[in-house]
Structures are given as C-alpha cells and as structure tokens.
Amino acid sequence: MANTITPLGRRVLVKRSLSEEKTAGGIFLPDTAKEKPQEAEVIALGTGKDDEGKDVTTLFTVKKGDKVLISKYGGTEVKVAGDDLLIINETDILGILG
C-alpha cells in the first residue's frame, strides 16, 4: 500500500484510538470481542473541492490533530505505512472531543 494518502473532496483521514483490552472486572478481551472504538484523531483533511470544483476548504469543521467522535460503521479502512486508518466523510464525524 502507499506511504501517504491525501483524501479527496470533503473526506477526512482519521486514526482510531486504541480500545480497552481489559474490562472493569479485569477480564482481558480478545480482538473478536472488542467493539470498534468511536474515538479517533484527524490525520489529514481532503482537498476541499465540491462536486463543481469550488474550493470549500474553509468549510471544514475539524482540523488536523483534533480528537473526534465518529460513527461506528462509516468510512473505508485503509493501511498506510503500516498504520490502520479510516477515510470518512466529514458528515460521519459526530463531534469534536474537548
């Protein structure tokens, strides 16, 4: 796979936060039993062009480095330079964590 990737349009490249491997009771969970984490960090923003080619980069609500809450099943998983990342539409971002 590629070493770098730039999302197109109003898409955002994010990296999911690591999920807890142990429950509050001290039980370790296998990977198959874990839910996908909804917290992620914004890695890169898209080119910011709409369908007509107009620049809409100023309309992005998030910025690189923001911690965000994303929908559980949205986006496309990609592997970039050994990291598991996710390309999502900005509309799949539910909120910015503070």
N, C-alpha and C. Protein backbone atom coordinates (compact mmCIF):
# COMPACT_ATOMS: atom_id res chain seq x y z
N MET A 1 0.85 -1.18 0.00
CA MET A 1 0.00 0.00 0.00
C MET A 1 0.89 1.24 0.00
N ALA A 2 0.30 2.38 -0.19
CA ALA A 2 1.02 3.65 -0.30
C ALA A 2 1.63 4.07 1.03
N ASN A 3 2.62 4.95 0.95
CA ASN A 3 3.24 5.50 2.16
C ASN A 3 2.49 6.73 2.65
N THR A 4 1.80 7.43 1.76
CA THR A 4 0.99 8.60 2.15
C THR A 4 -0.30 8.57 1.35
N ILE A 5 -1.28 9.29 1.86
CA ILE A 5 -2.56 9.38 1.16
C ILE A 5 -3.19 10.73 1.47
N THR A 6 -3.76 11.36 0.47
CA THR A 6 -4.49 12.61 0.65
C THR A 6 -5.95 12.35 0.28
N PRO A 7 -6.85 12.51 1.25
CA PRO A 7 -8.27 12.30 0.94
C PRO A 7 -8.75 13.35 -0.07
N LEU A 8 -9.76 13.00 -0.84
CA LEU A 8 -10.32 13.92 -1.82
C LEU A 8 -11.63 14.49 -1.30
N GLY A 9 -11.99 15.64 -1.84
CA GLY A 9 -13.26 16.28 -1.50
C GLY A 9 -13.38 16.60 -0.02
N ARG A 10 -14.56 16.32 0.55
CA ARG A 10 -14.85 16.62 1.95
C ARG A 10 -14.58 15.41 2.84
N ARG A 11 -13.61 14.59 2.45
CA ARG A 11 -13.27 13.41 3.25
C ARG A 11 -12.15 13.74 4.23
N VAL A 12 -12.09 12.93 5.29
CA VAL A 12 -11.12 13.15 6.36
C VAL A 12 -10.44 11.81 6.65
N LEU A 13 -9.13 11.84 6.82
CA LEU A 13 -8.36 10.66 7.18
C LEU A 13 -8.18 10.67 8.69
N VAL A 14 -8.62 9.60 9.37
CA VAL A 14 -8.53 9.53 10.83
C VAL A 14 -7.89 8.23 11.26
N LYS A 15 -7.35 8.24 12.47
CA LYS A 15 -6.78 7.04 13.08
C LYS A 15 -7.58 6.76 14.34
N ARG A 16 -8.19 5.58 14.40
CA ARG A 16 -8.98 5.21 15.58
C ARG A 16 -8.08 5.11 16.81
N SER A 17 -8.62 5.50 17.97
CA SER A 17 -7.92 5.32 19.24
C SER A 17 -7.94 3.85 19.59
N LEU A 18 -6.96 3.42 20.35
CA LEU A 18 -6.92 2.02 20.77
C LEU A 18 -8.03 1.75 21.76
N SER A 19 -8.69 0.61 21.62
CA SER A 19 -9.76 0.26 22.54
C SER A 19 -9.18 -0.45 23.76
N GLU A 20 -9.94 -0.44 24.81
CA GLU A 20 -9.53 -1.11 26.05
C GLU A 20 -9.45 -2.61 25.82
N GLU A 21 -8.40 -3.23 26.32
CA GLU A 21 -8.25 -4.68 26.20
C GLU A 21 -8.75 -5.40 27.44
N LYS A 22 -9.04 -4.66 28.50
CA LYS A 22 -9.43 -5.29 29.75
C LYS A 22 -10.71 -4.62 30.26
N THR A 23 -11.64 -5.43 30.77
CA THR A 23 -12.88 -4.89 31.31
C THR A 23 -12.64 -4.32 32.70
N ALA A 24 -13.64 -3.65 33.25
CA ALA A 24 -13.52 -3.09 34.59
C ALA A 24 -13.29 -4.18 35.63
N GLY A 25 -13.78 -5.38 35.36
CA GLY A 25 -13.61 -6.51 36.27
C GLY A 25 -12.27 -7.22 36.12
N GLY A 26 -11.43 -6.77 35.18
CA GLY A 26 -10.10 -7.34 35.00
C GLY A 26 -10.02 -8.45 33.97
N ILE A 27 -11.08 -8.67 33.19
CA ILE A 27 -11.09 -9.72 32.17
C ILE A 27 -10.52 -9.15 30.88
N PHE A 28 -9.54 -9.86 30.29
CA PHE A 28 -8.96 -9.43 29.03
C PHE A 28 -9.82 -9.91 27.88
N LEU A 29 -10.10 -9.01 26.93
CA LEU A 29 -10.96 -9.32 25.79
C LEU A 29 -10.13 -9.67 24.56
N PRO A 30 -10.52 -10.71 23.83
CA PRO A 30 -9.85 -10.99 22.55
C PRO A 30 -10.30 -9.96 21.51
N ASP A 31 -9.52 -9.83 20.44
CA ASP A 31 -9.84 -8.85 19.40
C ASP A 31 -11.23 -9.04 18.82
N THR A 32 -11.69 -10.27 18.72
CA THR A 32 -13.00 -10.53 18.12
C THR A 32 -14.15 -10.06 19.00
N ALA A 33 -13.91 -9.87 20.29
CA ALA A 33 -14.98 -9.46 21.20
C ALA A 33 -15.02 -7.95 21.41
N LYS A 34 -14.02 -7.24 20.90
CA LYS A 34 -13.96 -5.79 21.10
C LYS A 34 -14.81 -5.06 20.09
N GLU A 35 -15.43 -3.97 20.53
CA GLU A 35 -16.13 -3.09 19.60
C GLU A 35 -15.12 -2.14 18.98
N LYS A 36 -15.43 -1.67 17.77
CA LYS A 36 -14.57 -0.68 17.15
C LYS A 36 -14.68 0.61 17.93
N PRO A 37 -13.56 1.22 18.27
CA PRO A 37 -13.64 2.48 19.01
C PRO A 37 -14.23 3.59 18.15
N GLN A 38 -14.98 4.48 18.79
CA GLN A 38 -15.57 5.60 18.07
C GLN A 38 -14.73 6.86 18.19
N GLU A 39 -13.71 6.83 19.02
CA GLU A 39 -12.83 7.99 19.15
C GLU A 39 -11.69 7.85 18.15
N ALA A 40 -11.32 8.99 17.53
CA ALA A 40 -10.26 8.97 16.54
C ALA A 40 -9.55 10.32 16.52
N GLU A 41 -8.40 10.33 15.88
CA GLU A 41 -7.65 11.58 15.70
C GLU A 41 -7.60 11.90 14.21
N VAL A 42 -7.82 13.18 13.87
CA VAL A 42 -7.77 13.62 12.48
C VAL A 42 -6.31 13.66 12.04
N ILE A 43 -5.99 12.92 10.98
CA ILE A 43 -4.64 12.85 10.44
C ILE A 43 -4.47 13.81 9.26
N ALA A 44 -5.48 13.87 8.38
CA ALA A 44 -5.40 14.74 7.20
C ALA A 44 -6.80 15.10 6.73
N LEU A 45 -6.90 16.26 6.10
CA LEU A 45 -8.16 16.72 5.52
C LEU A 45 -8.11 16.57 4.01
N GLY A 46 -9.28 16.45 3.40
CA GLY A 46 -9.38 16.30 1.96
C GLY A 46 -8.98 17.56 1.22
N THR A 47 -9.06 17.48 -0.08
CA THR A 47 -8.68 18.60 -0.94
C THR A 47 -9.67 19.75 -0.84
N GLY A 48 -10.87 19.47 -0.33
CA GLY A 48 -11.85 20.53 -0.11
C GLY A 48 -12.52 21.04 -1.35
N LYS A 49 -12.65 20.22 -2.34
CA LYS A 49 -13.36 20.62 -3.56
C LYS A 49 -14.75 19.98 -3.55
N ASP A 50 -15.77 20.77 -3.92
CA ASP A 50 -17.10 20.19 -4.02
C ASP A 50 -17.28 19.56 -5.40
N ASP A 51 -18.48 19.11 -5.71
CA ASP A 51 -18.75 18.42 -6.97
C ASP A 51 -18.53 19.31 -8.19
N GLU A 52 -18.62 20.61 -8.01
CA GLU A 52 -18.44 21.54 -9.13
C GLU A 52 -17.02 22.09 -9.19
N GLY A 53 -16.12 21.61 -8.32
CA GLY A 53 -14.73 22.05 -8.34
C GLY A 53 -14.45 23.29 -7.53
N LYS A 54 -15.46 23.81 -6.81
CA LYS A 54 -15.26 25.01 -6.00
C LYS A 54 -14.50 24.65 -4.72
N ASP A 55 -13.61 25.55 -4.29
CA ASP A 55 -12.82 25.33 -3.08
C ASP A 55 -13.70 25.56 -1.86
N VAL A 56 -13.81 24.53 -1.01
CA VAL A 56 -14.61 24.63 0.20
C VAL A 56 -13.79 24.26 1.44
N THR A 57 -12.45 24.46 1.35
CA THR A 57 -11.58 24.10 2.48
C THR A 57 -11.92 24.89 3.73
N THR A 58 -12.44 26.10 3.57
CA THR A 58 -12.77 26.91 4.75
C THR A 58 -14.02 26.38 5.45
N LEU A 59 -14.74 25.45 4.82
CA LEU A 59 -15.96 24.91 5.40
C LEU A 59 -15.71 23.70 6.30
N PHE A 60 -14.46 23.18 6.34
CA PHE A 60 -14.16 22.06 7.23
C PHE A 60 -14.35 22.51 8.68
N THR A 61 -15.04 21.70 9.45
CA THR A 61 -15.28 21.99 10.86
C THR A 61 -14.13 21.51 11.72
N VAL A 62 -13.44 20.47 11.28
CA VAL A 62 -12.33 19.90 12.05
C VAL A 62 -11.00 20.32 11.45
N LYS A 63 -9.95 20.11 12.22
CA LYS A 63 -8.60 20.39 11.72
C LYS A 63 -7.68 19.25 12.12
N LYS A 64 -6.53 19.18 11.50
CA LYS A 64 -5.56 18.13 11.78
C LYS A 64 -5.21 18.13 13.26
N GLY A 65 -5.21 16.94 13.87
CA GLY A 65 -4.89 16.82 15.28
C GLY A 65 -6.09 16.80 16.21
N ASP A 66 -7.28 17.17 15.71
CA ASP A 66 -8.50 17.14 16.55
C ASP A 66 -8.83 15.72 16.95
N LYS A 67 -9.30 15.56 18.17
CA LYS A 67 -9.85 14.28 18.64
C LYS A 67 -11.35 14.35 18.37
N VAL A 68 -11.85 13.35 17.67
CA VAL A 68 -13.25 13.39 17.23
C VAL A 68 -13.98 12.10 17.59
N LEU A 69 -15.30 12.18 17.57
CA LEU A 69 -16.17 11.04 17.76
C LEU A 69 -16.75 10.71 16.39
N ILE A 70 -16.57 9.47 15.93
CA ILE A 70 -17.02 9.09 14.59
C ILE A 70 -18.10 8.02 14.68
N SER A 71 -18.87 7.90 13.60
CA SER A 71 -19.90 6.86 13.56
C SER A 71 -19.22 5.49 13.52
N LYS A 72 -19.90 4.48 14.07
CA LYS A 72 -19.29 3.16 14.22
C LYS A 72 -18.93 2.48 12.90
N TYR A 73 -19.81 2.56 11.93
CA TYR A 73 -19.62 1.74 10.74
C TYR A 73 -19.37 2.55 9.47
N GLY A 74 -19.10 3.82 9.58
CA GLY A 74 -18.86 4.64 8.40
C GLY A 74 -17.42 4.53 7.92
N GLY A 75 -17.19 4.96 6.71
CA GLY A 75 -15.84 5.07 6.19
C GLY A 75 -15.29 3.82 5.54
N THR A 76 -14.07 3.98 5.06
CA THR A 76 -13.35 2.91 4.39
C THR A 76 -12.00 2.72 5.08
N GLU A 77 -11.72 1.49 5.51
CA GLU A 77 -10.46 1.21 6.18
C GLU A 77 -9.35 1.09 5.16
N VAL A 78 -8.19 1.73 5.44
CA VAL A 78 -7.02 1.66 4.57
C VAL A 78 -5.78 1.44 5.44
N LYS A 79 -4.74 0.90 4.84
CA LYS A 79 -3.48 0.70 5.53
C LYS A 79 -2.46 1.62 4.86
N VAL A 80 -1.88 2.53 5.64
CA VAL A 80 -0.91 3.48 5.12
C VAL A 80 0.34 3.40 5.98
N ALA A 81 1.45 3.06 5.37
CA ALA A 81 2.74 2.96 6.07
C ALA A 81 2.62 2.10 7.33
N GLY A 82 1.88 1.00 7.23
CA GLY A 82 1.73 0.08 8.35
C GLY A 82 0.69 0.46 9.38
N ASP A 83 0.06 1.63 9.25
CA ASP A 83 -0.98 2.06 10.18
C ASP A 83 -2.36 1.77 9.61
N ASP A 84 -3.27 1.31 10.46
CA ASP A 84 -4.66 1.11 10.05
C ASP A 84 -5.40 2.43 10.23
N LEU A 85 -5.83 3.03 9.11
CA LEU A 85 -6.51 4.32 9.12
C LEU A 85 -7.89 4.16 8.51
N LEU A 86 -8.65 5.24 8.57
CA LEU A 86 -10.02 5.24 8.08
C LEU A 86 -10.27 6.53 7.31
N ILE A 87 -10.82 6.42 6.11
CA ILE A 87 -11.23 7.60 5.35
C ILE A 87 -12.74 7.71 5.50
N ILE A 88 -13.19 8.85 6.04
CA ILE A 88 -14.62 9.06 6.26
C ILE A 88 -15.04 10.40 5.66
N ASN A 89 -16.32 10.53 5.38
CA ASN A 89 -16.86 11.83 5.01
C ASN A 89 -16.92 12.68 6.26
N GLU A 90 -16.76 13.96 6.11
CA GLU A 90 -16.83 14.83 7.29
C GLU A 90 -18.18 14.70 7.99
N THR A 91 -19.20 14.34 7.25
CA THR A 91 -20.53 14.18 7.85
C THR A 91 -20.61 12.96 8.78
N ASP A 92 -19.62 12.04 8.69
CA ASP A 92 -19.57 10.89 9.60
C ASP A 92 -18.91 11.24 10.93
N ILE A 93 -18.43 12.47 11.06
CA ILE A 93 -17.87 12.91 12.34
C ILE A 93 -19.02 13.47 13.17
N LEU A 94 -19.22 12.87 14.34
CA LEU A 94 -20.36 13.23 15.17
C LEU A 94 -20.06 14.41 16.09
N GLY A 95 -18.79 14.61 16.43
CA GLY A 95 -18.45 15.73 17.30
C GLY A 95 -16.95 15.79 17.54
N ILE A 96 -16.51 16.94 18.06
CA ILE A 96 -15.13 17.15 18.42
C ILE A 96 -15.01 16.99 19.93
N LEU A 97 -14.08 16.14 20.36
CA LEU A 97 -13.90 15.89 21.79
C LEU A 97 -13.00 16.97 22.38
N GLY A 98 -13.38 17.46 23.57
CA GLY A 98 -12.62 18.55 24.17
C GLY A 98 -11.88 18.20 25.38
